[in-house]
Amino acid sequence: MPLTATALRLRHLRIERNLSQQDVANYLGITRTAYNKYENGFSQPTTRTVKKLAELFCVSTDFILGADTPDIKQQAMDVSTEKQIKKYLSLNENSRYIVDSLVNKLYQDERTITSI
């Protein structure tokens, strides 16, 4: 089952903010299993839940719902991102740490180069 834009964005936002699924579920007042279904595209959050998620992640509800990605290029990028996220999530904790360290270093290097 391909992941929806909502599922991809929720996972990305959560990981970007170093939150666990349990952390987000606690914030929403739901079980981790219920939240996991949002990230895996098995169910869609209610309007009330989308609003709370937008507040938590400091983004618009449209962003969470994928309403701002109508073009095919963005959809292709989402599929590619989904594949990378699945690979990342299958890594053990030590390997994730290595990937995170490398990405952070590359990001810092690029920001340094572009600011010169």
PDB file of N, CA and C in Angstrom:
ATOM      1  N   MET A   1       0.846  -1.174   0.000  1.00  0.00           N
ATOM      2  CA  MET A   1       0.000   0.000   0.000  1.00  0.00           C
ATOM      3  C   MET A   1       0.895   1.242   0.000  1.00  0.00           C
ATOM      4  N   PRO A   2       0.796   2.102  -1.025  1.00  0.00           N
ATOM      5  CA  PRO A   2       1.607   3.322  -1.030  1.00  0.00           C
ATOM      6  C   PRO A   2       1.142   4.272   0.063  1.00  0.00           C
ATOM      7  N   LEU A   3       2.107   4.928   0.660  1.00  0.00           N
ATOM      8  CA  LEU A   3       1.787   5.869   1.725  1.00  0.00           C
ATOM      9  C   LEU A   3       1.172   7.142   1.155  1.00  0.00           C
ATOM     10  N   THR A   4       0.245   7.714   1.887  1.00  0.00           N
ATOM     11  CA  THR A   4      -0.374   8.975   1.482  1.00  0.00           C
ATOM     12  C   THR A   4       0.561  10.125   1.822  1.00  0.00           C
ATOM     13  N   ALA A   5       0.274  11.276   1.251  1.00  0.00           N
ATOM     14  CA  ALA A   5       1.060  12.471   1.584  1.00  0.00           C
ATOM     15  C   ALA A   5       0.968  12.756   3.075  1.00  0.00           C
ATOM     16  N   THR A   6      -0.209  12.549   3.651  1.00  0.00           N
ATOM     17  CA  THR A   6      -0.377  12.772   5.088  1.00  0.00           C
ATOM     18  C   THR A   6       0.526  11.845   5.885  1.00  0.00           C
ATOM     19  N   ALA A   7       0.525  10.571   5.545  1.00  0.00           N
ATOM     20  CA  ALA A   7       1.352   9.594   6.258  1.00  0.00           C
ATOM     21  C   ALA A   7       2.832   9.960   6.162  1.00  0.00           C
ATOM     22  N   LEU A   8       3.284  10.279   4.954  1.00  0.00           N
ATOM     23  CA  LEU A   8       4.686  10.647   4.755  1.00  0.00           C
ATOM     24  C   LEU A   8       5.059  11.881   5.557  1.00  0.00           C
ATOM     25  N   ARG A   9       4.193  12.862   5.523  1.00  0.00           N
ATOM     26  CA  ARG A   9       4.505  14.115   6.218  1.00  0.00           C
ATOM     27  C   ARG A   9       4.492  13.947   7.728  1.00  0.00           C
ATOM     28  N   LEU A  10       3.551  13.180   8.238  1.00  0.00           N
ATOM     29  CA  LEU A  10       3.526  12.962   9.682  1.00  0.00           C
ATOM     30  C   LEU A  10       4.801  12.267  10.153  1.00  0.00           C
ATOM     31  N   ARG A  11       5.213  11.257   9.424  1.00  0.00           N
ATOM     32  CA  ARG A  11       6.439  10.541   9.799  1.00  0.00           C
ATOM     33  C   ARG A  11       7.649  11.470   9.728  1.00  0.00           C
ATOM     34  N   HIS A  12       7.729  12.216   8.636  1.00  0.00           N
ATOM     35  CA  HIS A  12       8.858  13.137   8.458  1.00  0.00           C
ATOM     36  C   HIS A  12       8.893  14.186   9.573  1.00  0.00           C
ATOM     37  N   LEU A  13       7.754  14.790   9.859  1.00  0.00           N
ATOM     38  CA  LEU A  13       7.696  15.827  10.896  1.00  0.00           C
ATOM     39  C   LEU A  13       8.069  15.268  12.265  1.00  0.00           C
ATOM     40  N   ARG A  14       7.591  14.060  12.555  1.00  0.00           N
ATOM     41  CA  ARG A  14       7.887  13.449  13.849  1.00  0.00           C
ATOM     42  C   ARG A  14       9.374  13.144  13.990  1.00  0.00           C
ATOM     43  N   ILE A  15       9.950  12.547  12.970  1.00  0.00           N
ATOM     44  CA  ILE A  15      11.371  12.192  13.012  1.00  0.00           C
ATOM     45  C   ILE A  15      12.224  13.449  13.060  1.00  0.00           C
ATOM     46  N   GLU A  16      11.847  14.442  12.270  1.00  0.00           N
ATOM     47  CA  GLU A  16      12.591  15.704  12.238  1.00  0.00           C
ATOM     48  C   GLU A  16      12.653  16.358  13.612  1.00  0.00           C
ATOM     49  N   ARG A  17      11.631  16.161  14.408  1.00  0.00           N
ATOM     50  CA  ARG A  17      11.567  16.775  15.739  1.00  0.00           C
ATOM     51  C   ARG A  17      11.989  15.819  16.855  1.00  0.00           C
ATOM     52  N   ASN A  18      12.547  14.671  16.448  1.00  0.00           N
ATOM     53  CA  ASN A  18      13.037  13.671  17.413  1.00  0.00           C
ATOM     54  C   ASN A  18      11.969  13.240  18.412  1.00  0.00           C
ATOM     55  N   LEU A  19      10.775  13.016  17.919  1.00  0.00           N
ATOM     56  CA  LEU A  19       9.684  12.536  18.758  1.00  0.00           C
ATOM     57  C   LEU A  19       9.405  11.078  18.433  1.00  0.00           C
ATOM     58  N   SER A  20       8.995  10.327  19.425  1.00  0.00           N
ATOM     59  CA  SER A  20       8.572   8.948  19.181  1.00  0.00           C
ATOM     60  C   SER A  20       7.094   8.954  18.810  1.00  0.00           C
ATOM     61  N   GLN A  21       6.632   7.845  18.260  1.00  0.00           N
ATOM     62  CA  GLN A  21       5.204   7.736  17.986  1.00  0.00           C
ATOM     63  C   GLN A  21       4.420   7.847  19.295  1.00  0.00           C
ATOM     64  N   GLN A  22       4.977   7.310  20.374  1.00  0.00           N
ATOM     65  CA  GLN A  22       4.309   7.386  21.668  1.00  0.00           C
ATOM     66  C   GLN A  22       4.186   8.834  22.138  1.00  0.00           C
ATOM     67  N   ASP A  23       5.241   9.643  21.894  1.00  0.00           N
ATOM     68  CA  ASP A  23       5.197  11.057  22.268  1.00  0.00           C
ATOM     69  C   ASP A  23       4.030  11.761  21.579  1.00  0.00           C
ATOM     70  N   VAL A  24       3.900  11.534  20.274  1.00  0.00           N
ATOM     71  CA  VAL A  24       2.831  12.185  19.510  1.00  0.00           C
ATOM     72  C   VAL A  24       1.472  11.663  19.951  1.00  0.00           C
ATOM     73  N   ALA A  25       1.374  10.351  20.153  1.00  0.00           N
ATOM     74  CA  ALA A  25       0.113   9.751  20.603  1.00  0.00           C
ATOM     75  C   ALA A  25      -0.312  10.334  21.948  1.00  0.00           C
ATOM     76  N   ASN A  26       0.643  10.480  22.861  1.00  0.00           N
ATOM     77  CA  ASN A  26       0.327  11.069  24.172  1.00  0.00           C
ATOM     78  C   ASN A  26      -0.203  12.488  24.011  1.00  0.00           C
ATOM     79  N   TYR A  27       0.430  13.274  23.140  1.00  0.00           N
ATOM     80  CA  TYR A  27      -0.010  14.647  22.892  1.00  0.00           C
ATOM     81  C   TYR A  27      -1.452  14.672  22.369  1.00  0.00           C
ATOM     82  N   LEU A  28      -1.757  13.718  21.496  1.00  0.00           N
ATOM     83  CA  LEU A  28      -3.087  13.668  20.890  1.00  0.00           C
ATOM     84  C   LEU A  28      -4.127  13.016  21.799  1.00  0.00           C
ATOM     85  N   GLY A  29      -3.665  12.301  22.821  1.00  0.00           N
ATOM     86  CA  GLY A  29      -4.593  11.592  23.695  1.00  0.00           C
ATOM     87  C   GLY A  29      -5.138  10.321  23.073  1.00  0.00           C
ATOM     88  N   ILE A  30      -4.305   9.665  22.241  1.00  0.00           N
ATOM     89  CA  ILE A  30      -4.698   8.411  21.593  1.00  0.00           C
ATOM     90  C   ILE A  30      -3.619   7.369  21.857  1.00  0.00           C
ATOM     91  N   THR A  31      -3.863   6.145  21.426  1.00  0.00           N
ATOM     92  CA  THR A  31      -2.852   5.093  21.597  1.00  0.00           C
ATOM     93  C   THR A  31      -1.769   5.217  20.531  1.00  0.00           C
ATOM     94  N   ARG A  32      -0.616   4.630  20.810  1.00  0.00           N
ATOM     95  CA  ARG A  32       0.461   4.620  19.837  1.00  0.00           C
ATOM     96  C   ARG A  32       0.022   3.856  18.587  1.00  0.00           C
ATOM     97  N   THR A  33      -0.735   2.790  18.780  1.00  0.00           N
ATOM     98  CA  THR A  33      -1.224   1.996  17.646  1.00  0.00           C
ATOM     99  C   THR A  33      -2.102   2.839  16.725  1.00  0.00           C
ATOM    100  N   ALA A  34      -2.968   3.649  17.318  1.00  0.00           N
ATOM    101  CA  ALA A  34      -3.837   4.520  16.504  1.00  0.00           C
ATOM    102  C   ALA A  34      -2.991   5.515  15.720  1.00  0.00           C
ATOM    103  N   TYR A  35      -1.998   6.108  16.382  1.00  0.00           N
ATOM    104  CA  TYR A  35      -1.138   7.058  15.669  1.00  0.00           C
ATOM    105  C   TYR A  35      -0.334   6.354  14.580  1.00  0.00           C
ATOM    106  N   ASN A  36       0.159   5.160  14.875  1.00  0.00           N
ATOM    107  CA  ASN A  36       0.929   4.394  13.896  1.00  0.00           C
ATOM    108  C   ASN A  36       0.123   4.187  12.612  1.00  0.00           C
ATOM    109  N   LYS A  37      -1.179   4.003  12.749  1.00  0.00           N
ATOM    110  CA  LYS A  37      -2.036   3.820  11.569  1.00  0.00           C
ATOM    111  C   LYS A  37      -2.054   5.073  10.693  1.00  0.00           C
ATOM    112  N   TYR A  38      -1.931   6.258  11.295  1.00  0.00           N
ATOM    113  CA  TYR A  38      -1.847   7.492  10.504  1.00  0.00           C
ATOM    114  C   TYR A  38      -0.560   7.503   9.689  1.00  0.00           C
ATOM    115  N   GLU A  39       0.560   7.160  10.332  1.00  0.00           N
ATOM    116  CA  GLU A  39       1.862   7.199   9.653  1.00  0.00           C
ATOM    117  C   GLU A  39       2.003   6.120   8.588  1.00  0.00           C
ATOM    118  N   ASN A  40       1.258   5.037   8.716  1.00  0.00           N
ATOM    119  CA  ASN A  40       1.357   3.962   7.743  1.00  0.00           C
ATOM    120  C   ASN A  40       0.232   3.975   6.720  1.00  0.00           C
ATOM    121  N   GLY A  41      -0.595   5.022   6.770  1.00  0.00           N
ATOM    122  CA  GLY A  41      -1.630   5.206   5.760  1.00  0.00           C
ATOM    123  C   GLY A  41      -2.834   4.293   5.901  1.00  0.00           C
ATOM    124  N   PHE A  42      -2.977   3.620   7.046  1.00  0.00           N
ATOM    125  CA  PHE A  42      -4.119   2.734   7.237  1.00  0.00           C
ATOM    126  C   PHE A  42      -5.365   3.481   7.673  1.00  0.00           C
ATOM    127  N   SER A  43      -5.187   4.683   8.220  1.00  0.00           N
ATOM    128  CA  SER A  43      -6.336   5.518   8.556  1.00  0.00           C
ATOM    129  C   SER A  43      -5.925   6.983   8.484  1.00  0.00           C
ATOM    130  N   GLN A  44      -6.916   7.841   8.333  1.00  0.00           N
ATOM    131  CA  GLN A  44      -6.683   9.276   8.248  1.00  0.00           C
ATOM    132  C   GLN A  44      -7.106   9.927   9.564  1.00  0.00           C
ATOM    133  N   PRO A  45      -6.323  10.888  10.038  1.00  0.00           N
ATOM    134  CA  PRO A  45      -6.718  11.581  11.269  1.00  0.00           C
ATOM    135  C   PRO A  45      -7.979  12.418  11.047  1.00  0.00           C
ATOM    136  N   THR A  46      -8.737  12.604  12.123  1.00  0.00           N
ATOM    137  CA  THR A  46      -9.933  13.437  12.065  1.00  0.00           C
ATOM    138  C   THR A  46      -9.512  14.899  11.909  1.00  0.00           C
ATOM    139  N   THR A  47     -10.466  15.739  11.593  1.00  0.00           N
ATOM    140  CA  THR A  47     -10.193  17.177  11.457  1.00  0.00           C
ATOM    141  C   THR A  47      -9.609  17.740  12.747  1.00  0.00           C
ATOM    142  N   ARG A  48     -10.179  17.366  13.884  1.00  0.00           N
ATOM    143  CA  ARG A  48      -9.684  17.825  15.182  1.00  0.00           C
ATOM    144  C   ARG A  48      -8.236  17.372  15.392  1.00  0.00           C
ATOM    145  N   THR A  49      -7.937  16.130  15.034  1.00  0.00           N
ATOM    146  CA  THR A  49      -6.592  15.592  15.208  1.00  0.00           C
ATOM    147  C   THR A  49      -5.606  16.288  14.281  1.00  0.00           C
ATOM    148  N   VAL A  50      -6.018  16.561  13.053  1.00  0.00           N
ATOM    149  CA  VAL A  50      -5.144  17.272  12.110  1.00  0.00           C
ATOM    150  C   VAL A  50      -4.799  18.647  12.661  1.00  0.00           C
ATOM    151  N   LYS A  51      -5.770  19.321  13.251  1.00  0.00           N
ATOM    152  CA  LYS A  51      -5.513  20.641  13.839  1.00  0.00           C
ATOM    153  C   LYS A  51      -4.507  20.548  14.980  1.00  0.00           C
ATOM    154  N   LYS A  52      -4.644  19.529  15.822  1.00  0.00           N
ATOM    155  CA  LYS A  52      -3.697  19.354  16.928  1.00  0.00           C
ATOM    156  C   LYS A  52      -2.301  19.016  16.395  1.00  0.00           C
ATOM    157  N   LEU A  53      -2.230  18.206  15.351  1.00  0.00           N
ATOM    158  CA  LEU A  53      -0.932  17.863  14.753  1.00  0.00           C
ATOM    159  C   LEU A  53      -0.279  19.101  14.145  1.00  0.00           C
ATOM    160  N   ALA A  54      -1.079  19.934  13.495  1.00  0.00           N
ATOM    161  CA  ALA A  54      -0.553  21.177  12.914  1.00  0.00           C
ATOM    162  C   ALA A  54       0.021  22.074  14.002  1.00  0.00           C
ATOM    163  N   GLU A  55      -0.659  22.143  15.126  1.00  0.00           N
ATOM    164  CA  GLU A  55      -0.154  22.929  16.259  1.00  0.00           C
ATOM    165  C   GLU A  55       1.146  22.344  16.798  1.00  0.00           C
ATOM    166  N   LEU A  56       1.172  21.033  16.976  1.00  0.00           N
ATOM    167  CA  LEU A  56       2.367  20.368  17.503  1.00  0.00           C
ATOM    168  C   LEU A  56       3.577  20.590  16.606  1.00  0.00           C
ATOM    169  N   PHE A  57       3.388  20.438  15.298  1.00  0.00           N
ATOM    170  CA  PHE A  57       4.504  20.516  14.355  1.00  0.00           C
ATOM    171  C   PHE A  57       4.725  21.908  13.765  1.00  0.00           C
ATOM    172  N   CYS A  58       3.865  22.864  14.148  1.00  0.00           N
ATOM    173  CA  CYS A  58       3.980  24.249  13.664  1.00  0.00           C
ATOM    174  C   CYS A  58       3.941  24.326  12.140  1.00  0.00           C
ATOM    175  N   VAL A  59       2.970  23.640  11.561  1.00  0.00           N
ATOM    176  CA  VAL A  59       2.748  23.680  10.119  1.00  0.00           C
ATOM    177  C   VAL A  59       1.248  23.879   9.883  1.00  0.00           C
ATOM    178  N   SER A  60       0.871  24.108   8.647  1.00  0.00           N
ATOM    179  CA  SER A  60      -0.542  24.280   8.332  1.00  0.00           C
ATOM    180  C   SER A  60      -1.243  22.922   8.222  1.00  0.00           C
ATOM    181  N   THR A  61      -2.545  22.945   8.395  1.00  0.00           N
ATOM    182  CA  THR A  61      -3.315  21.717   8.209  1.00  0.00           C
ATOM    183  C   THR A  61      -3.242  21.274   6.744  1.00  0.00           C
ATOM    184  N   ASP A  62      -3.199  22.236   5.826  1.00  0.00           N
ATOM    185  CA  ASP A  62      -3.056  21.904   4.404  1.00  0.00           C
ATOM    186  C   ASP A  62      -1.769  21.137   4.149  1.00  0.00           C
ATOM    187  N   PHE A  63      -0.696  21.536   4.811  1.00  0.00           N
ATOM    188  CA  PHE A  63       0.575  20.835   4.629  1.00  0.00           C
ATOM    189  C   PHE A  63       0.443  19.387   5.091  1.00  0.00           C
ATOM    190  N   ILE A  64      -0.122  19.180   6.259  1.00  0.00           N
ATOM    191  CA  ILE A  64      -0.274  17.817   6.782  1.00  0.00           C
ATOM    192  C   ILE A  64      -1.135  16.967   5.853  1.00  0.00           C
ATOM    193  N   LEU A  65      -2.178  17.564   5.316  1.00  0.00           N
ATOM    194  CA  LEU A  65      -3.093  16.819   4.441  1.00  0.00           C
ATOM    195  C   LEU A  65      -2.571  16.653   3.019  1.00  0.00           C
ATOM    196  N   GLY A  66      -1.441  17.296   2.703  1.00  0.00           N
ATOM    197  CA  GLY A  66      -0.887  17.178   1.357  1.00  0.00           C
ATOM    198  C   GLY A  66      -1.622  18.014   0.340  1.00  0.00           C
ATOM    199  N   ALA A  67      -2.424  18.972   0.801  1.00  0.00           N
ATOM    200  CA  ALA A  67      -3.227  19.796  -0.108  1.00  0.00           C
ATOM    201  C   ALA A  67      -2.379  20.745  -0.934  1.00  0.00           C
ATOM    202  N   ASP A  68      -1.137  20.921  -0.535  1.00  0.00           N
ATOM    203  CA  ASP A  68      -0.273  21.847  -1.270  1.00  0.00           C
ATOM    204  C   ASP A  68       0.703  21.133  -2.199  1.00  0.00           C
ATOM    205  N   THR A  69       0.441  19.861  -2.545  1.00  0.00           N
ATOM    206  CA  THR A  69       1.325  19.110  -3.436  1.00  0.00           C
ATOM    207  C   THR A  69       0.558  18.506  -4.611  1.00  0.00           C
ATOM    208  N   PRO A  70       0.014  19.339  -5.482  1.00  0.00           N
ATOM    209  CA  PRO A  70      -0.783  18.793  -6.567  1.00  0.00           C
ATOM    210  C   PRO A  70       0.018  18.251  -7.751  1.00  0.00           C
ATOM    211  N   ASP A  71       1.302  18.607  -7.858  1.00  0.00           N
ATOM    212  CA  ASP A  71       2.016  18.235  -9.070  1.00  0.00           C
ATOM    213  C   ASP A  71       2.667  16.853  -9.003  1.00  0.00           C
ATOM    214  N   ILE A  72       2.862  16.260 -10.161  1.00  0.00           N
ATOM    215  CA  ILE A  72       3.409  14.905 -10.290  1.00  0.00           C
ATOM    216  C   ILE A  72       4.849  14.848  -9.803  1.00  0.00           C
ATOM    217  N   LYS A  73       5.621  15.891 -10.028  1.00  0.00           N
ATOM    218  CA  LYS A  73       7.013  15.912  -9.580  1.00  0.00           C
ATOM    219  C   LYS A  73       7.087  15.745  -8.065  1.00  0.00           C
ATOM    220  N   GLN A  74       6.216  16.424  -7.339  1.00  0.00           N
ATOM    221  CA  GLN A  74       6.196  16.306  -5.882  1.00  0.00           C
ATOM    222  C   GLN A  74       5.786  14.900  -5.467  1.00  0.00           C
ATOM    223  N   GLN A  75       4.824  14.311  -6.164  1.00  0.00           N
ATOM    224  CA  GLN A  75       4.389  12.960  -5.828  1.00  0.00           C
ATOM    225  C   GLN A  75       5.520  11.961  -6.036  1.00  0.00           C
ATOM    226  N   ALA A  76       6.294  12.135  -7.103  1.00  0.00           N
ATOM    227  CA  ALA A  76       7.441  11.254  -7.348  1.00  0.00           C
ATOM    228  C   ALA A  76       8.478  11.420  -6.244  1.00  0.00           C
ATOM    229  N   MET A  77       8.670  12.656  -5.795  1.00  0.00           N
ATOM    230  CA  MET A  77       9.616  12.910  -4.720  1.00  0.00           C
ATOM    231  C   MET A  77       9.120  12.261  -3.431  1.00  0.00           C
ATOM    232  N   ASP A  78       7.812  12.288  -3.179  1.00  0.00           N
ATOM    233  CA  ASP A  78       7.250  11.657  -1.997  1.00  0.00           C
ATOM    234  C   ASP A  78       7.495  10.147  -2.013  1.00  0.00           C
ATOM    235  N   VAL A  79       7.368   9.508  -3.168  1.00  0.00           N
ATOM    236  CA  VAL A  79       7.614   8.070  -3.283  1.00  0.00           C
ATOM    237  C   VAL A  79       9.076   7.770  -2.988  1.00  0.00           C
ATOM    238  N   SER A  80       9.969   8.575  -3.530  1.00  0.00           N
ATOM    239  CA  SER A  80      11.391   8.403  -3.270  1.00  0.00           C
ATOM    240  C   SER A  80      11.691   8.607  -1.791  1.00  0.00           C
ATOM    241  N   THR A  81      11.103   9.619  -1.207  1.00  0.00           N
ATOM    242  CA  THR A  81      11.288   9.892   0.216  1.00  0.00           C
ATOM    243  C   THR A  81      10.754   8.734   1.048  1.00  0.00           C
ATOM    244  N   GLU A  82       9.610   8.208   0.660  1.00  0.00           N
ATOM    245  CA  GLU A  82       9.018   7.069   1.372  1.00  0.00           C
ATOM    246  C   GLU A  82       9.982   5.887   1.389  1.00  0.00           C
ATOM    247  N   LYS A  83      10.601   5.599   0.255  1.00  0.00           N
ATOM    248  CA  LYS A  83      11.546   4.485   0.183  1.00  0.00           C
ATOM    249  C   LYS A  83      12.739   4.719   1.103  1.00  0.00           C
ATOM    250  N   GLN A  84      13.251   5.945   1.109  1.00  0.00           N
ATOM    251  CA  GLN A  84      14.394   6.266   1.964  1.00  0.00           C
ATOM    252  C   GLN A  84      14.015   6.173   3.444  1.00  0.00           C
ATOM    253  N   ILE A  85      12.844   6.645   3.784  1.00  0.00           N
ATOM    254  CA  ILE A  85      12.395   6.587   5.172  1.00  0.00           C
ATOM    255  C   ILE A  85      12.259   5.127   5.617  1.00  0.00           C
ATOM    256  N   LYS A  86      11.701   4.286   4.762  1.00  0.00           N
ATOM    257  CA  LYS A  86      11.557   2.871   5.110  1.00  0.00           C
ATOM    258  C   LYS A  86      12.927   2.232   5.342  1.00  0.00           C
ATOM    259  N   LYS A  87      13.892   2.567   4.497  1.00  0.00           N
ATOM    260  CA  LYS A  87      15.247   2.038   4.682  1.00  0.00           C
ATOM    261  C   LYS A  87      15.819   2.517   6.009  1.00  0.00           C
ATOM    262  N   TYR A  88      15.685   3.817   6.264  1.00  0.00           N
ATOM    263  CA  TYR A  88      16.209   4.401   7.493  1.00  0.00           C
ATOM    264  C   TYR A  88      15.579   3.743   8.721  1.00  0.00           C
ATOM    265  N   LEU A  89      14.267   3.582   8.701  1.00  0.00           N
ATOM    266  CA  LEU A  89      13.559   3.017   9.843  1.00  0.00           C
ATOM    267  C   LEU A  89      13.909   1.552  10.085  1.00  0.00           C
ATOM    268  N   SER A  90      14.391   0.866   9.054  1.00  0.00           N
ATOM    269  CA  SER A  90      14.764  -0.540   9.230  1.00  0.00           C
ATOM    270  C   SER A  90      16.166  -0.701   9.827  1.00  0.00           C
ATOM    271  N   LEU A  91      16.923   0.405   9.917  1.00  0.00           N
ATOM    272  CA  LEU A  91      18.268   0.344  10.483  1.00  0.00           C
ATOM    273  C   LEU A  91      18.217   0.206  12.001  1.00  0.00           C
ATOM    274  N   ASN A  92      19.287  -0.370  12.560  1.00  0.00           N
ATOM    275  CA  ASN A  92      19.362  -0.426  14.019  1.00  0.00           C
ATOM    276  C   ASN A  92      19.759   0.951  14.552  1.00  0.00           C
ATOM    277  N   GLU A  93      19.704   1.112  15.871  1.00  0.00           N
ATOM    278  CA  GLU A  93      19.936   2.421  16.494  1.00  0.00           C
ATOM    279  C   GLU A  93      21.319   2.982  16.164  1.00  0.00           C
ATOM    280  N   ASN A  94      22.331   2.132  16.183  1.00  0.00           N
ATOM    281  CA  ASN A  94      23.697   2.576  15.889  1.00  0.00           C
ATOM    282  C   ASN A  94      23.812   3.062  14.435  1.00  0.00           C
ATOM    283  N   SER A  95      23.226   2.338  13.528  1.00  0.00           N
ATOM    284  CA  SER A  95      23.272   2.740  12.118  1.00  0.00           C
ATOM    285  C   SER A  95      22.510   4.040  11.888  1.00  0.00           C
ATOM    286  N   ARG A  96      21.385   4.217  12.566  1.00  0.00           N
ATOM    287  CA  ARG A  96      20.641   5.480  12.454  1.00  0.00           C
ATOM    288  C   ARG A  96      21.479   6.646  12.963  1.00  0.00           C
ATOM    289  N   TYR A  97      22.206   6.406  14.043  1.00  0.00           N
ATOM    290  CA  TYR A  97      23.075   7.448  14.597  1.00  0.00           C
ATOM    291  C   TYR A  97      24.125   7.855  13.560  1.00  0.00           C
ATOM    292  N   ILE A  98      24.700   6.878  12.879  1.00  0.00           N
ATOM    293  CA  ILE A  98      25.712   7.151  11.853  1.00  0.00           C
ATOM    294  C   ILE A  98      25.100   7.952  10.708  1.00  0.00           C
ATOM    295  N   VAL A  99      23.934   7.538  10.250  1.00  0.00           N
ATOM    296  CA  VAL A  99      23.250   8.251   9.161  1.00  0.00           C
ATOM    297  C   VAL A  99      22.929   9.675   9.593  1.00  0.00           C
ATOM    298  N   ASP A 100      22.381   9.828  10.791  1.00  0.00           N
ATOM    299  CA  ASP A 100      22.045  11.161  11.296  1.00  0.00           C
ATOM    300  C   ASP A 100      23.279  12.053  11.369  1.00  0.00           C
ATOM    301  N   SER A 101      24.380  11.493  11.857  1.00  0.00           N
ATOM    302  CA  SER A 101      25.626  12.266  11.967  1.00  0.00           C
ATOM    303  C   SER A 101      26.114  12.709  10.597  1.00  0.00           C
ATOM    304  N   LEU A 102      26.078  11.807   9.631  1.00  0.00           N
ATOM    305  CA  LEU A 102      26.520  12.127   8.275  1.00  0.00           C
ATOM    306  C   LEU A 102      25.632  13.198   7.644  1.00  0.00           C
ATOM    307  N   VAL A 103      24.326  13.044   7.770  1.00  0.00           N
ATOM    308  CA  VAL A 103      23.405  14.022   7.190  1.00  0.00           C
ATOM    309  C   VAL A 103      23.603  15.389   7.842  1.00  0.00           C
ATOM    310  N   ASN A 104      23.743  15.414   9.164  1.00  0.00           N
ATOM    311  CA  ASN A 104      23.969  16.683   9.859  1.00  0.00           C
ATOM    312  C   ASN A 104      25.257  17.347   9.403  1.00  0.00           C
ATOM    313  N   LYS A 105      26.315  16.579   9.228  1.00  0.00           N
ATOM    314  CA  LYS A 105      27.601  17.120   8.771  1.00  0.00           C
ATOM    315  C   LYS A 105      27.474  17.675   7.352  1.00  0.00           C
ATOM    316  N   LEU A 106      26.866  16.922   6.455  1.00  0.00           N
ATOM    317  CA  LEU A 106      26.683  17.391   5.079  1.00  0.00           C
ATOM    318  C   LEU A 106      25.833  18.660   5.041  1.00  0.00           C
ATOM    319  N   TYR A 107      24.794  18.695   5.854  1.00  0.00           N
ATOM    320  CA  TYR A 107      23.923  19.869   5.916  1.00  0.00           C
ATOM    321  C   TYR A 107      24.712  21.093   6.380  1.00  0.00           C
ATOM    322  N   GLN A 108      25.495  20.928   7.422  1.00  0.00           N
ATOM    323  CA  GLN A 108      26.304  22.032   7.921  1.00  0.00           C
ATOM    324  C   GLN A 108      27.303  22.496   6.865  1.00  0.00           C
ATOM    325  N   ASP A 109      27.939  21.552   6.194  1.00  0.00           N
ATOM    326  CA  ASP A 109      28.910  21.903   5.147  1.00  0.00           C
ATOM    327  C   ASP A 109      28.252  22.689   4.020  1.00  0.00           C
ATOM    328  N   GLU A 110      27.069  22.266   3.587  1.00  0.00           N
ATOM    329  CA  GLU A 110      26.384  22.974   2.511  1.00  0.00           C
ATOM    330  C   GLU A 110      25.937  24.359   2.941  1.00  0.00           C
ATOM    331  N   ARG A 111      25.487  24.499   4.160  1.00  0.00           N
ATOM    332  CA  ARG A 111      25.072  25.813   4.653  1.00  0.00           C
ATOM    333  C   ARG A 111      26.275  26.749   4.733  1.00  0.00           C
ATOM    334  N   THR A 112      27.436  26.204   5.093  1.00  0.00           N
ATOM    335  CA  THR A 112      28.652  27.002   5.170  1.00  0.00           C
ATOM    336  C   THR A 112      29.058  27.485   3.788  1.00  0.00           C
ATOM    337  N   ILE A 113      28.985  26.582   2.816  1.00  0.00           N
ATOM    338  CA  ILE A 113      29.373  26.925   1.434  1.00  0.00           C
ATOM    339  C   ILE A 113      28.433  27.975   0.848  1.00  0.00           C
ATOM    340  N   THR A 114      27.123  27.814   1.071  1.00  0.00           N
ATOM    341  CA  THR A 114      26.177  28.760   0.481  1.00  0.00           C
ATOM    342  C   THR A 114      26.187  30.114   1.167  1.00  0.00           C
ATOM    343  N   SER A 115      26.711  30.193   2.384  1.00  0.00           N
ATOM    344  CA  SER A 115      26.746  31.475   3.065  1.00  0.00           C
ATOM    345  C   SER A 115      28.015  32.276   2.751  1.00  0.00           C
ATOM    346  N   ILE A 116      28.933  31.657   2.045  1.00  0.00           N
ATOM    347  CA  ILE A 116      30.190  32.343   1.698  1.00  0.00           C
ATOM    348  C   ILE A 116      29.972  33.261   0.507  1.00  0.00           C
TER     349      ILE A 116
END
